[in-house]
Each structure stands twice: as C-alpha cells, then as structure tokens.
Amino acid sequence: YESTVYPGVTEEECVPVLEKISGLKFNSDFFVGYSPERINPG
C-alpha cells in the first residue's frame, strides 16, 4: 500500500478485507507491505 493512512490501517483495516475476499491467511498464504508515496505533483 502507498496511500495516505494513519498508523495501523494496512494491517487492521486492509488485511481483513484481503483475507475475507481471498480466503487466504495473512502472513502465511500472502503478505503485505507499506511504502509511503513522496511524489510532489508537478
């Protein structure tokens, strides 16, 4: 994920959605990362 979030969103909000839709288990079947975007438009 690169979007603006508050600390904890990736694992607390996004991962449950990924697990529910995919039927896979976090940190066993799939994994996540976060890399904040720093682009300055223009």
Full PDB file with SEQRES, HELIX, SHEET, SSBOND, CRYST1, ORIGX, SCALE, CONECT and MASTER records, all heavy atoms in Angstrom:
SEQRES   1 A   42  TYR GLU SER THR VAL TYR PRO GLY VAL THR GLU GLU GLU          
SEQRES   2 A   42  CYS VAL PRO VAL LEU GLU LYS ILE SER GLY LEU LYS PHE          
SEQRES   3 A   42  ASN SER ASP PHE PHE VAL GLY TYR SER PRO GLU ARG ILE          
SEQRES   4 A   42  ASN PRO GLY                                                  
HELIX    1 AA1 VAL A    9  VAL A    9  1                                   1    
HELIX    2 AA2 THR A   10  CYS A   14  3                                   5    
HELIX    3 AA3 VAL A   15  SER A   22  1                                   8    
CRYST1    1.000    1.000    1.000  90.00  90.00  90.00 P 1           1          
ORIGX1      1.000000  0.000000  0.000000        0.00000                         
ORIGX2      0.000000  1.000000  0.000000        0.00000                         
ORIGX3      0.000000  0.000000  1.000000        0.00000                         
SCALE1      1.000000  0.000000  0.000000        0.00000                         
SCALE2      0.000000  1.000000  0.000000        0.00000                         
SCALE3      0.000000  0.000000  1.000000        0.00000                         
ATOM      1  N   TYR A   1       0.836  -1.194   0.000  1.00  0.00           N  
ATOM      2  CA  TYR A   1       0.000   0.000   0.000  1.00  0.00           C  
ATOM      3  C   TYR A   1       0.875   1.249   0.000  1.00  0.00           C  
ATOM      4  O   TYR A   1       1.894   1.308   0.702  1.00  0.00           O  
ATOM      5  CB  TYR A   1      -0.940   0.005   1.207  1.00  0.00           C  
ATOM      6  CG  TYR A   1      -2.007  -1.061   1.131  1.00  0.00           C  
ATOM      7  CD1 TYR A   1      -1.761  -2.363   1.569  1.00  0.00           C  
ATOM      8  CD2 TYR A   1      -3.264  -0.785   0.590  1.00  0.00           C  
ATOM      9  CE1 TYR A   1      -2.730  -3.352   1.496  1.00  0.00           C  
ATOM     10  CE2 TYR A   1      -4.243  -1.766   0.512  1.00  0.00           C  
ATOM     11  CZ  TYR A   1      -3.973  -3.039   0.956  1.00  0.00           C  
ATOM     12  OH  TYR A   1      -4.949  -4.016   0.870  1.00  0.00           O  
ATOM     13  N   GLU A   2       0.448   2.251  -0.792  1.00  0.00           N  
ATOM     14  CA  GLU A   2       1.164   3.525  -0.827  1.00  0.00           C  
ATOM     15  C   GLU A   2       0.270   4.705  -0.444  1.00  0.00           C  
ATOM     16  O   GLU A   2       0.740   5.827  -0.346  1.00  0.00           O  
ATOM     17  CB  GLU A   2       1.763   3.771  -2.217  1.00  0.00           C  
ATOM     18  CG  GLU A   2       2.949   2.887  -2.558  1.00  0.00           C  
ATOM     19  CD  GLU A   2       3.942   3.575  -3.473  1.00  0.00           C  
ATOM     20  OE1 GLU A   2       3.729   4.747  -3.818  1.00  0.00           O  
ATOM     21  OE2 GLU A   2       4.963   2.956  -3.823  1.00  0.00           O  
ATOM     22  N   SER A   3      -1.006   4.478  -0.247  1.00  0.00           N  
ATOM     23  CA  SER A   3      -1.947   5.558   0.018  1.00  0.00           C  
ATOM     24  C   SER A   3      -1.730   6.173   1.409  1.00  0.00           C  
ATOM     25  O   SER A   3      -1.146   5.547   2.291  1.00  0.00           O  
ATOM     26  CB  SER A   3      -3.381   5.039  -0.098  1.00  0.00           C  
ATOM     27  OG  SER A   3      -3.611   4.445  -1.372  1.00  0.00           O  
ATOM     28  N   THR A   4      -2.224   7.405   1.580  1.00  0.00           N  
ATOM     29  CA  THR A   4      -2.217   8.045   2.893  1.00  0.00           C  
ATOM     30  C   THR A   4      -3.078   7.253   3.871  1.00  0.00           C  
ATOM     31  O   THR A   4      -4.236   6.962   3.576  1.00  0.00           O  
ATOM     32  CB  THR A   4      -2.752   9.485   2.800  1.00  0.00           C  
ATOM     33  OG1 THR A   4      -1.825  10.287   2.071  1.00  0.00           O  
ATOM     34  CG2 THR A   4      -2.947  10.091   4.184  1.00  0.00           C  
ATOM     35  N   VAL A   5      -2.514   6.916   4.992  1.00  0.00           N  
ATOM     36  CA  VAL A   5      -3.249   6.197   6.031  1.00  0.00           C  
ATOM     37  C   VAL A   5      -2.777   6.691   7.390  1.00  0.00           C  
ATOM     38  O   VAL A   5      -1.764   7.364   7.500  1.00  0.00           O  
ATOM     39  CB  VAL A   5      -3.029   4.661   5.952  1.00  0.00           C  
ATOM     40  CG1 VAL A   5      -3.586   4.090   4.658  1.00  0.00           C  
ATOM     41  CG2 VAL A   5      -1.544   4.319   6.094  1.00  0.00           C  
ATOM     42  N   TYR A   6      -3.528   6.342   8.437  1.00  0.00           N  
ATOM     43  CA  TYR A   6      -2.989   6.543   9.775  1.00  0.00           C  
ATOM     44  C   TYR A   6      -2.322   5.241  10.215  1.00  0.00           C  
ATOM     45  O   TYR A   6      -2.615   4.168   9.670  1.00  0.00           O  
ATOM     46  CB  TYR A   6      -4.057   7.002  10.772  1.00  0.00           C  
ATOM     47  CG  TYR A   6      -5.315   6.177  10.832  1.00  0.00           C  
ATOM     48  CD1 TYR A   6      -5.340   4.954  11.479  1.00  0.00           C  
ATOM     49  CD2 TYR A   6      -6.498   6.650  10.280  1.00  0.00           C  
ATOM     50  CE1 TYR A   6      -6.507   4.201  11.558  1.00  0.00           C  
ATOM     51  CE2 TYR A   6      -7.674   5.897  10.335  1.00  0.00           C  
ATOM     52  CZ  TYR A   6      -7.673   4.689  10.983  1.00  0.00           C  
ATOM     53  OH  TYR A   6      -8.817   3.938  11.052  1.00  0.00           O  
ATOM     54  N   PRO A   7      -1.401   5.287  11.163  1.00  0.00           N  
ATOM     55  CA  PRO A   7      -0.673   4.073  11.560  1.00  0.00           C  
ATOM     56  C   PRO A   7      -1.614   2.956  11.990  1.00  0.00           C  
ATOM     57  O   PRO A   7      -2.443   3.125  12.871  1.00  0.00           O  
ATOM     58  CB  PRO A   7       0.199   4.558  12.725  1.00  0.00           C  
ATOM     59  CG  PRO A   7       0.375   6.024  12.488  1.00  0.00           C  
ATOM     60  CD  PRO A   7      -0.910   6.476  11.884  1.00  0.00           C  
ATOM     61  N   GLY A   8      -1.504   1.815  11.328  1.00  0.00           N  
ATOM     62  CA  GLY A   8      -2.322   0.663  11.671  1.00  0.00           C  
ATOM     63  C   GLY A   8      -3.340   0.284  10.610  1.00  0.00           C  
ATOM     64  O   GLY A   8      -3.880  -0.830  10.636  1.00  0.00           O  
ATOM     65  N   VAL A   9      -3.614   1.162   9.656  1.00  0.00           N  
ATOM     66  CA  VAL A   9      -4.668   0.902   8.670  1.00  0.00           C  
ATOM     67  C   VAL A   9      -4.372  -0.329   7.815  1.00  0.00           C  
ATOM     68  O   VAL A   9      -5.246  -1.154   7.561  1.00  0.00           O  
ATOM     69  CB  VAL A   9      -4.903   2.137   7.767  1.00  0.00           C  
ATOM     70  CG1 VAL A   9      -5.724   1.757   6.530  1.00  0.00           C  
ATOM     71  CG2 VAL A   9      -5.625   3.221   8.542  1.00  0.00           C  
ATOM     72  N   THR A  10      -3.128  -0.457   7.356  1.00  0.00           N  
ATOM     73  CA  THR A  10      -2.786  -1.562   6.460  1.00  0.00           C  
ATOM     74  C   THR A  10      -3.127  -2.910   7.089  1.00  0.00           C  
ATOM     75  O   THR A  10      -3.811  -3.742   6.483  1.00  0.00           O  
ATOM     76  CB  THR A  10      -1.294  -1.515   6.081  1.00  0.00           C  
ATOM     77  OG1 THR A  10      -1.016  -0.279   5.404  1.00  0.00           O  
ATOM     78  CG2 THR A  10      -0.924  -2.683   5.174  1.00  0.00           C  
ATOM     79  N   GLU A  11      -2.659  -3.128   8.316  1.00  0.00           N  
ATOM     80  CA  GLU A  11      -2.854  -4.414   8.966  1.00  0.00           C  
ATOM     81  C   GLU A  11      -4.223  -4.558   9.630  1.00  0.00           C  
ATOM     82  O   GLU A  11      -4.766  -5.656   9.710  1.00  0.00           O  
ATOM     83  CB  GLU A  11      -1.733  -4.646   9.988  1.00  0.00           C  
ATOM     84  CG  GLU A  11      -0.367  -4.848   9.308  1.00  0.00           C  
ATOM     85  CD  GLU A  11       0.801  -4.583  10.239  1.00  0.00           C  
ATOM     86  OE1 GLU A  11       0.921  -3.421  10.694  1.00  0.00           O  
ATOM     87  OE2 GLU A  11       1.595  -5.501  10.489  1.00  0.00           O  
ATOM     88  N   GLU A  12      -4.784  -3.436  10.130  1.00  0.00           N  
ATOM     89  CA  GLU A  12      -6.041  -3.505  10.873  1.00  0.00           C  
ATOM     90  C   GLU A  12      -7.278  -3.367   9.999  1.00  0.00           C  
ATOM     91  O   GLU A  12      -8.346  -3.893  10.345  1.00  0.00           O  
ATOM     92  CB  GLU A  12      -6.046  -2.421  11.958  1.00  0.00           C  
ATOM     93  CG  GLU A  12      -4.955  -2.605  13.007  1.00  0.00           C  
ATOM     94  CD  GLU A  12      -4.777  -1.372  13.876  1.00  0.00           C  
ATOM     95  OE1 GLU A  12      -5.649  -0.469  13.827  1.00  0.00           O  
ATOM     96  OE2 GLU A  12      -3.759  -1.286  14.593  1.00  0.00           O  
ATOM     97  N   GLU A  13      -7.175  -2.641   8.874  1.00  0.00           N  
ATOM     98  CA  GLU A  13      -8.334  -2.380   8.031  1.00  0.00           C  
ATOM     99  C   GLU A  13      -8.261  -3.101   6.680  1.00  0.00           C  
ATOM    100  O   GLU A  13      -9.262  -3.645   6.210  1.00  0.00           O  
ATOM    101  CB  GLU A  13      -8.481  -0.864   7.795  1.00  0.00           C  
ATOM    102  CG  GLU A  13      -8.664  -0.048   9.070  1.00  0.00           C  
ATOM    103  CD  GLU A  13     -10.004  -0.266   9.744  1.00  0.00           C  
ATOM    104  OE1 GLU A  13     -10.955  -0.718   9.066  1.00  0.00           O  
ATOM    105  OE2 GLU A  13     -10.116   0.027  10.957  1.00  0.00           O  
ATOM    106  N   CYS A  14      -7.094  -3.095   6.053  1.00  0.00           N  
ATOM    107  CA  CYS A  14      -6.970  -3.659   4.706  1.00  0.00           C  
ATOM    108  C   CYS A  14      -6.796  -5.178   4.714  1.00  0.00           C  
ATOM    109  O   CYS A  14      -7.409  -5.882   3.903  1.00  0.00           O  
ATOM    110  CB  CYS A  14      -5.797  -3.007   3.968  1.00  0.00           C  
ATOM    111  SG  CYS A  14      -5.991  -1.223   3.732  1.00  0.00           S  
ATOM    112  N   VAL A  15      -5.953  -5.681   5.615  1.00  0.00           N  
ATOM    113  CA  VAL A  15      -5.679  -7.123   5.658  1.00  0.00           C  
ATOM    114  C   VAL A  15      -6.947  -7.952   5.876  1.00  0.00           C  
ATOM    115  O   VAL A  15      -7.154  -8.959   5.183  1.00  0.00           O  
ATOM    116  CB  VAL A  15      -4.604  -7.447   6.715  1.00  0.00           C  
ATOM    117  CG1 VAL A  15      -4.588  -8.951   7.031  1.00  0.00           C  
ATOM    118  CG2 VAL A  15      -3.232  -7.003   6.223  1.00  0.00           C  
ATOM    119  N   PRO A  16      -7.846  -7.580   6.821  1.00  0.00           N  
ATOM    120  CA  PRO A  16      -9.081  -8.368   6.978  1.00  0.00           C  
ATOM    121  C   PRO A  16      -9.909  -8.455   5.695  1.00  0.00           C  
ATOM    122  O   PRO A  16     -10.532  -9.494   5.438  1.00  0.00           O  
ATOM    123  CB  PRO A  16      -9.835  -7.612   8.078  1.00  0.00           C  
ATOM    124  CG  PRO A  16      -8.773  -6.943   8.876  1.00  0.00           C  
ATOM    125  CD  PRO A  16      -7.738  -6.536   7.872  1.00  0.00           C  
ATOM    126  N   VAL A  17      -9.910  -7.385   4.901  1.00  0.00           N  
ATOM    127  CA  VAL A  17     -10.638  -7.415   3.631  1.00  0.00           C  
ATOM    128  C   VAL A  17      -9.971  -8.395   2.674  1.00  0.00           C  
ATOM    129  O   VAL A  17     -10.638  -9.201   2.013  1.00  0.00           O  
ATOM    130  CB  VAL A  17     -10.706  -6.002   3.001  1.00  0.00           C  
ATOM    131  CG1 VAL A  17     -11.391  -6.065   1.627  1.00  0.00           C  
ATOM    132  CG2 VAL A  17     -11.433  -5.036   3.919  1.00  0.00           C  
ATOM    133  N   LEU A  18      -8.645  -8.344   2.599  1.00  0.00           N  
ATOM    134  CA  LEU A  18      -7.908  -9.269   1.742  1.00  0.00           C  
ATOM    135  C   LEU A  18      -8.182 -10.723   2.145  1.00  0.00           C  
ATOM    136  O   LEU A  18      -8.393 -11.590   1.288  1.00  0.00           O  
ATOM    137  CB  LEU A  18      -6.404  -8.977   1.812  1.00  0.00           C  
ATOM    138  CG  LEU A  18      -5.928  -7.636   1.231  1.00  0.00           C  
ATOM    139  CD1 LEU A  18      -4.451  -7.409   1.569  1.00  0.00           C  
ATOM    140  CD2 LEU A  18      -6.125  -7.582  -0.275  1.00  0.00           C  
ATOM    141  N   GLU A  19      -8.160 -10.988   3.454  1.00  0.00           N  
ATOM    142  CA  GLU A  19      -8.408 -12.345   3.951  1.00  0.00           C  
ATOM    143  C   GLU A  19      -9.825 -12.804   3.621  1.00  0.00           C  
ATOM    144  O   GLU A  19     -10.040 -13.934   3.164  1.00  0.00           O  
ATOM    145  CB  GLU A  19      -8.177 -12.413   5.460  1.00  0.00           C  
ATOM    146  CG  GLU A  19      -6.707 -12.388   5.874  1.00  0.00           C  
ATOM    147  CD  GLU A  19      -6.518 -12.646   7.352  1.00  0.00           C  
ATOM    148  OE1 GLU A  19      -7.276 -12.019   8.152  1.00  0.00           O  
ATOM    149  OE2 GLU A  19      -5.632 -13.422   7.729  1.00  0.00           O  
ATOM    150  N   LYS A  20     -10.794 -11.935   3.863  1.00  0.00           N  
ATOM    151  CA  LYS A  20     -12.198 -12.294   3.656  1.00  0.00           C  
ATOM    152  C   LYS A  20     -12.484 -12.619   2.189  1.00  0.00           C  
ATOM    153  O   LYS A  20     -13.133 -13.626   1.875  1.00  0.00           O  
ATOM    154  CB  LYS A  20     -13.102 -11.152   4.120  1.00  0.00           C  
ATOM    155  CG  LYS A  20     -14.590 -11.428   3.926  1.00  0.00           C  
ATOM    156  CD  LYS A  20     -15.425 -10.235   4.379  1.00  0.00           C  
ATOM    157  CE  LYS A  20     -16.915 -10.501   4.147  1.00  0.00           C  
ATOM    158  NZ  LYS A  20     -17.745  -9.330   4.554  1.00  0.00           N  
ATOM    159  N   ILE A  21     -12.005 -11.777   1.285  1.00  0.00           N  
ATOM    160  CA  ILE A  21     -12.316 -11.942  -0.136  1.00  0.00           C  
ATOM    161  C   ILE A  21     -11.526 -13.107  -0.749  1.00  0.00           C  
ATOM    162  O   ILE A  21     -12.045 -13.873  -1.555  1.00  0.00           O  
ATOM    163  CB  ILE A  21     -12.038 -10.646  -0.920  1.00  0.00           C  
ATOM    164  CG1 ILE A  21     -12.886  -9.488  -0.363  1.00  0.00           C  
ATOM    165  CG2 ILE A  21     -12.323 -10.846  -2.402  1.00  0.00           C  
ATOM    166  CD1 ILE A  21     -14.373  -9.686  -0.453  1.00  0.00           C  
ATOM    167  N   SER A  22     -10.282 -13.255  -0.346  1.00  0.00           N  
ATOM    168  CA  SER A  22      -9.416 -14.280  -0.954  1.00  0.00           C  
ATOM    169  C   SER A  22      -9.568 -15.648  -0.312  1.00  0.00           C  
ATOM    170  O   SER A  22      -9.305 -16.677  -0.956  1.00  0.00           O  
ATOM    171  CB  SER A  22      -7.954 -13.847  -0.871  1.00  0.00           C  
ATOM    172  OG  SER A  22      -7.488 -13.881   0.481  1.00  0.00           O  
ATOM    173  N   GLY A  23      -9.944 -15.661   0.972  1.00  0.00           N  
ATOM    174  CA  GLY A  23      -9.984 -16.922   1.701  1.00  0.00           C  
ATOM    175  C   GLY A  23      -8.608 -17.387   2.142  1.00  0.00           C  
ATOM    176  O   GLY A  23      -8.448 -18.509   2.652  1.00  0.00           O  
ATOM    177  N   LEU A  24      -7.593 -16.541   1.967  1.00  0.00           N  
ATOM    178  CA  LEU A  24      -6.222 -16.873   2.334  1.00  0.00           C  
ATOM    179  C   LEU A  24      -5.864 -16.294   3.692  1.00  0.00           C  
ATOM    180  O   LEU A  24      -6.523 -15.377   4.188  1.00  0.00           O  
ATOM    181  CB  LEU A  24      -5.248 -16.346   1.279  1.00  0.00           C  
ATOM    182  CG  LEU A  24      -5.450 -16.869  -0.155  1.00  0.00           C  
ATOM    183  CD1 LEU A  24      -4.467 -16.200  -1.113  1.00  0.00           C  
ATOM    184  CD2 LEU A  24      -5.299 -18.383  -0.209  1.00  0.00           C  
ATOM    185  N   LYS A  25      -4.790 -16.826   4.293  1.00  0.00           N  
ATOM    186  CA  LYS A  25      -4.373 -16.420   5.638  1.00  0.00           C  
ATOM    187  C   LYS A  25      -3.173 -15.477   5.557  1.00  0.00           C  
ATOM    188  O   LYS A  25      -2.178 -15.750   4.897  1.00  0.00           O  
ATOM    189  CB  LYS A  25      -4.019 -17.648   6.488  1.00  0.00           C  
ATOM    190  CG  LYS A  25      -3.698 -17.328   7.956  1.00  0.00           C  
ATOM    191  CD  LYS A  25      -3.530 -18.580   8.757  1.00  0.00           C  
ATOM    192  CE  LYS A  25      -3.121 -18.269  10.208  1.00  0.00           C  
ATOM    193  NZ  LYS A  25      -4.120 -17.401  10.887  1.00  0.00           N  
ATOM    194  N   PHE A  26      -3.303 -14.350   6.246  1.00  0.00           N  
ATOM    195  CA  PHE A  26      -2.263 -13.325   6.299  1.00  0.00           C  
ATOM    196  C   PHE A  26      -0.984 -13.864   6.939  1.00  0.00           C  
ATOM    197  O   PHE A  26      -1.021 -14.566   7.940  1.00  0.00           O  
ATOM    198  CB  PHE A  26      -2.795 -12.122   7.079  1.00  0.00           C  
ATOM    199  CG  PHE A  26      -1.791 -11.030   7.335  1.00  0.00           C  
ATOM    200  CD1 PHE A  26      -1.038 -10.496   6.294  1.00  0.00           C  
ATOM    201  CD2 PHE A  26      -1.597 -10.507   8.617  1.00  0.00           C  
ATOM    202  CE1 PHE A  26      -0.118  -9.481   6.515  1.00  0.00           C  
ATOM    203  CE2 PHE A  26      -0.694  -9.493   8.848  1.00  0.00           C  
ATOM    204  CZ  PHE A  26       0.056  -8.988   7.801  1.00  0.00           C  
ATOM    205  N   ASN A  27       0.144 -13.484   6.338  1.00  0.00           N  
ATOM    206  CA  ASN A  27       1.495 -13.852   6.789  1.00  0.00           C  
ATOM    207  C   ASN A  27       1.760 -15.354   6.772  1.00  0.00           C  
ATOM    208  O   ASN A  27       2.746 -15.822   7.337  1.00  0.00           O  
ATOM    209  CB  ASN A  27       1.803 -13.283   8.178  1.00  0.00           C  
ATOM    210  CG  ASN A  27       2.347 -11.874   8.104  1.00  0.00           C  
ATOM    211  OD1 ASN A  27       2.722 -11.392   7.045  1.00  0.00           O  
ATOM    212  ND2 ASN A  27       2.408 -11.193   9.258  1.00  0.00           N  
ATOM    213  N   SER A  28       0.863 -16.075   6.114  1.00  0.00           N  
ATOM    214  CA  SER A  28       1.079 -17.499   5.874  1.00  0.00           C  
ATOM    215  C   SER A  28       0.922 -17.775   4.388  1.00  0.00           C  
ATOM    216  O   SER A  28       1.820 -18.320   3.748  1.00  0.00           O  
ATOM    217  CB  SER A  28       0.101 -18.336   6.684  1.00  0.00           C  
ATOM    218  OG  SER A  28       0.212 -19.703   6.386  1.00  0.00           O  
ATOM    219  N   ASP A  29      -0.229 -17.346   3.850  1.00  0.00           N  
ATOM    220  CA  ASP A  29      -0.500 -17.516   2.419  1.00  0.00           C  
ATOM    221  C   ASP A  29      -0.099 -16.288   1.603  1.00  0.00           C  
ATOM    222  O   ASP A  29       0.359 -16.407   0.470  1.00  0.00           O  
ATOM    223  CB  ASP A  29      -1.985 -17.805   2.203  1.00  0.00           C  
ATOM    224  CG  ASP A  29      -2.421 -19.104   2.862  1.00  0.00           C  
ATOM    225  OD1 ASP A  29      -1.595 -20.030   2.953  1.00  0.00           O  
ATOM    226  OD2 ASP A  29      -3.597 -19.188   3.296  1.00  0.00           O  
ATOM    227  N   PHE A  30      -0.323 -15.111   2.150  1.00  0.00           N  
ATOM    228  CA  PHE A  30       0.058 -13.877   1.465  1.00  0.00           C  
ATOM    229  C   PHE A  30       0.648 -12.895   2.476  1.00  0.00           C  
ATOM    230  O   PHE A  30       0.536 -13.077   3.697  1.00  0.00           O  
ATOM    231  CB  PHE A  30      -1.154 -13.240   0.756  1.00  0.00           C  
ATOM    232  CG  PHE A  30      -2.150 -12.598   1.698  1.00  0.00           C  
ATOM    233  CD1 PHE A  30      -2.081 -11.249   2.016  1.00  0.00           C  
ATOM    234  CD2 PHE A  30      -3.167 -13.357   2.256  1.00  0.00           C  
ATOM    235  CE1 PHE A  30      -2.995 -10.670   2.895  1.00  0.00           C  
ATOM    236  CE2 PHE A  30      -4.092 -12.790   3.134  1.00  0.00           C  
ATOM    237  CZ  PHE A  30      -3.998 -11.435   3.452  1.00  0.00           C  
ATOM    238  N   PHE A  31       1.259 -11.808   1.935  1.00  0.00           N  
ATOM    239  CA  PHE A  31       1.965 -10.862   2.791  1.00  0.00           C  
ATOM    240  C   PHE A  31       1.647  -9.441   2.332  1.00  0.00           C  
ATOM    241  O   PHE A  31       1.146  -9.217   1.227  1.00  0.00           O  
ATOM    242  CB  PHE A  31       3.476 -11.118   2.730  1.00  0.00           C  
ATOM    243  CG  PHE A  31       3.845 -12.533   3.050  1.00  0.00           C  
ATOM    244  CD1 PHE A  31       3.903 -13.509   2.044  1.00  0.00           C  
ATOM    245  CD2 PHE A  31       4.128 -12.921   4.352  1.00  0.00           C  
ATOM    246  CE1 PHE A  31       4.237 -14.833   2.330  1.00  0.00           C  
ATOM    247  CE2 PHE A  31       4.455 -14.244   4.655  1.00  0.00           C  
ATOM    248  CZ  PHE A  31       4.506 -15.187   3.637  1.00  0.00           C  
ATOM    249  N   VAL A  32       1.943  -8.470   3.189  1.00  0.00           N  
ATOM    250  CA  VAL A  32       1.702  -7.074   2.816  1.00  0.00           C  
ATOM    251  C   VAL A  32       2.922  -6.225   3.130  1.00  0.00           C  
ATOM    252  O   VAL A  32       3.811  -6.623   3.912  1.00  0.00           O  
ATOM    253  CB  VAL A  32       0.452  -6.473   3.512  1.00  0.00           C  
ATOM    254  CG1 VAL A  32      -0.794  -7.241   3.172  1.00  0.00           C  
ATOM    255  CG2 VAL A  32       0.651  -6.397   5.012  1.00  0.00           C  
ATOM    256  N   GLY A  33       2.938  -5.068   2.519  1.00  0.00           N  
ATOM    257  CA  GLY A  33       3.965  -4.075   2.790  1.00  0.00           C  
ATOM    258  C   GLY A  33       3.356  -2.687   2.716  1.00  0.00           C  
ATOM    259  O   GLY A  33       2.205  -2.507   2.309  1.00  0.00           O  
ATOM    260  N   TYR A  34       4.124  -1.701   3.135  1.00  0.00           N  
ATOM    261  CA  TYR A  34       3.698  -0.315   3.022  1.00  0.00           C  
ATOM    262  C   TYR A  34       4.908   0.527   2.642  1.00  0.00           C  
ATOM    263  O   TYR A  34       5.984   0.408   3.234  1.00  0.00           O  
ATOM    264  CB  TYR A  34       3.090   0.214   4.326  1.00  0.00           C  
ATOM    265  CG  TYR A  34       2.571   1.637   4.190  1.00  0.00           C  
ATOM    266  CD1 TYR A  34       1.311   1.881   3.666  1.00  0.00           C  
ATOM    267  CD2 TYR A  34       3.356   2.719   4.550  1.00  0.00           C  
ATOM    268  CE1 TYR A  34       0.836   3.175   3.507  1.00  0.00           C  
ATOM    269  CE2 TYR A  34       2.901   4.020   4.396  1.00  0.00           C  
ATOM    270  CZ  TYR A  34       1.634   4.250   3.875  1.00  0.00           C  
ATOM    271  OH  TYR A  34       1.181   5.542   3.712  1.00  0.00           O  
ATOM    272  N   SER A  35       4.715   1.370   1.621  1.00  0.00           N  
ATOM    273  CA  SER A  35       5.775   2.275   1.184  1.00  0.00           C  
ATOM    274  C   SER A  35       5.147   3.622   0.870  1.00  0.00           C  
ATOM    275  O   SER A  35       4.480   3.771  -0.159  1.00  0.00           O  
ATOM    276  CB  SER A  35       6.493   1.717  -0.052  1.00  0.00           C  
ATOM    277  OG  SER A  35       7.542   2.600  -0.456  1.00  0.00           O  
ATOM    278  N   PRO A  36       5.316   4.605   1.746  1.00  0.00           N  
ATOM    279  CA  PRO A  36       4.634   5.890   1.547  1.00  0.00           C  
ATOM    280  C   PRO A  36       5.090   6.608   0.284  1.00  0.00           C  
ATOM    281  O   PRO A  36       6.293   6.689   0.008  1.00  0.00           O  
ATOM    282  CB  PRO A  36       5.017   6.684   2.800  1.00  0.00           C  
ATOM    283  CG  PRO A  36       6.279   6.042   3.310  1.00  0.00           C  
ATOM    284  CD  PRO A  36       6.158   4.587   2.961  1.00  0.00           C  
ATOM    285  N   GLU A  37       4.120   7.092  -0.489  1.00  0.00           N  
ATOM    286  CA  GLU A  37       4.461   7.877  -1.676  1.00  0.00           C  
ATOM    287  C   GLU A  37       4.970   9.250  -1.246  1.00  0.00           C  
ATOM    288  O   GLU A  37       4.504   9.824  -0.262  1.00  0.00           O  
ATOM    289  CB  GLU A  37       3.244   7.985  -2.599  1.00  0.00           C  
ATOM    290  CG  GLU A  37       2.002   8.630  -2.008  1.00  0.00           C  
ATOM    291  CD  GLU A  37       1.976  10.131  -2.192  1.00  0.00           C  
ATOM    292  OE1 GLU A  37       2.898  10.675  -2.829  1.00  0.00           O  
ATOM    293  OE2 GLU A  37       1.037  10.753  -1.677  1.00  0.00           O  
ATOM    294  N   ARG A  38       5.916   9.768  -1.994  1.00  0.00           N  
ATOM    295  CA  ARG A  38       6.513  11.064  -1.684  1.00  0.00           C  
ATOM    296  C   ARG A  38       6.536  11.988  -2.891  1.00  0.00           C  
ATOM    297  O   ARG A  38       7.248  12.988  -2.909  1.00  0.00           O  
ATOM    298  CB  ARG A  38       7.933  10.872  -1.154  1.00  0.00           C  
ATOM    299  CG  ARG A  38       7.982  10.313   0.260  1.00  0.00           C  
ATOM    300  CD  ARG A  38       9.389  10.029   0.704  1.00  0.00           C  
ATOM    301  NE  ARG A  38       9.491   9.945   2.167  1.00  0.00           N  
ATOM    302  CZ  ARG A  38      10.579   9.599   2.816  1.00  0.00           C  
ATOM    303  NH1 ARG A  38      11.677   9.280   2.147  1.00  0.00           N  
ATOM    304  NH2 ARG A  38      10.597   9.554   4.144  1.00  0.00           N  
ATOM    305  N   ILE A  39       5.762  11.634  -3.913  1.00  0.00           N  
ATOM    306  CA  ILE A  39       5.765  12.422  -5.141  1.00  0.00           C  
ATOM    307  C   ILE A  39       5.138  13.792  -4.895  1.00  0.00           C  
ATOM    308  O   ILE A  39       4.109  13.904  -4.227  1.00  0.00           O  
ATOM    309  CB  ILE A  39       5.013  11.678  -6.258  1.00  0.00           C  
ATOM    310  CG1 ILE A  39       5.736  10.377  -6.616  1.00  0.00           C  
ATOM    311  CG2 ILE A  39       4.872  12.555  -7.493  1.00  0.00           C  
ATOM    312  CD1 ILE A  39       4.973   9.506  -7.587  1.00  0.00           C  
ATOM    313  N   ASN A  40       5.749  14.804  -5.448  1.00  0.00           N  
ATOM    314  CA  ASN A  40       5.234  16.165  -5.382  1.00  0.00           C  
ATOM    315  C   ASN A  40       4.680  16.511  -6.758  1.00  0.00           C  
ATOM    316  O   ASN A  40       5.456  16.752  -7.689  1.00  0.00           O  
ATOM    317  CB  ASN A  40       6.355  17.135  -4.989  1.00  0.00           C  
ATOM    318  CG  ASN A  40       5.841  18.520  -4.669  1.00  0.00           C  
ATOM    319  OD1 ASN A  40       4.655  18.723  -4.461  1.00  0.00           O  
ATOM    320  ND2 ASN A  40       6.726  19.489  -4.650  1.00  0.00           N  
ATOM    321  N   PRO A  41       3.348  16.502  -6.947  1.00  0.00           N  
ATOM    322  CA  PRO A  41       2.779  16.731  -8.277  1.00  0.00           C  
ATOM    323  C   PRO A  41       3.312  17.988  -8.946  1.00  0.00           C  
ATOM    324  O   PRO A  41       3.447  19.041  -8.310  1.00  0.00           O  
ATOM    325  CB  PRO A  41       1.278  16.866  -7.995  1.00  0.00           C  
ATOM    326  CG  PRO A  41       1.062  16.062  -6.764  1.00  0.00           C  
ATOM    327  CD  PRO A  41       2.298  16.277  -5.934  1.00  0.00           C  
ATOM    328  N   GLY A  42       3.638  17.857 -10.211  1.00  0.00           N  
ATOM    329  CA  GLY A  42       4.127  18.993 -10.979  1.00  0.00           C  
ATOM    330  C   GLY A  42       5.623  19.229 -10.878  1.00  0.00           C  
ATOM    331  O   GLY A  42       6.183  20.021 -11.632  1.00  0.00           O  
TER     332      GLY A  42                                                      
MASTER        0    0    0    3    0    0    0    6  331    1    0    4          
END                                                                             
